[in-house]
């Protein structure tokens, strides 16, 4: 069964590609390589023992997406990882985030409808919960205003997916996965987190310091409402996340 993986050369996407292939699916990668490296494809080849079909395409390019669906034929579903994801950058470049994250989803949904592909897993984010009134957060926790443009793009995308799936002429089956903070790497060390520029979470700083790439590790923030005043984050291993995504 062929599964299109947008952002399949990215951190989460590449691990999902491995799990899909090892589960007997035929993953097909679409990635613009804006925030990922082509070396990931080499890692995938070394892990799987074969090349994974990959198209260097922006998901906002409807015609290019149509060509992939028609060239590959019989794609049964899509896992949509492709998105800008840096919270801090989204504050500086909100329009770019809305254009890319929301615009590309709309394009993808329209292409899926045109091509008769009815299964979608959407990579959302815990940022849709905003600042919750109580912990722990569950699937029943209501969403609140997001604290960043990135979070708002995920909220908007969820609304678009919901509304689209309810339309009378749309038969798309959708699952939204609200990820927390993925960390770690494949056990082979052939693929993992390769942040371009400043990392977006603490773990890459830890590993870079351990590897001698940084002189020291600095943890920012000392006045949070926690036991020692430092920030608290929930983490999930990227392979566990990838496996759970393929089970959908």
Foldseek 3Di string as FASTA:
>chain_A
DEEEEECLQAFLNVLLCLLCVVVPYQYAYEYLCPWGDPLSQVLSCVSNVHGHHYDNDQLLDLVVVLVVCVVVDDHQEYEYPDADDAQVVCQVVVVVRLCRLVNSLVSVVVSCLVSVHAEYEYEAAPQQQADFPDDDDDPPGDGDDGPGSNNVSRVVSVVVVVVQCPDPSHRHDYHYDHDFAEADFPPVPSGHHDGDDDDRDQVVLVVCVVVVVDVDGDFDFQCDPDPRGGDDGDYDYSNVVSNVSSVD
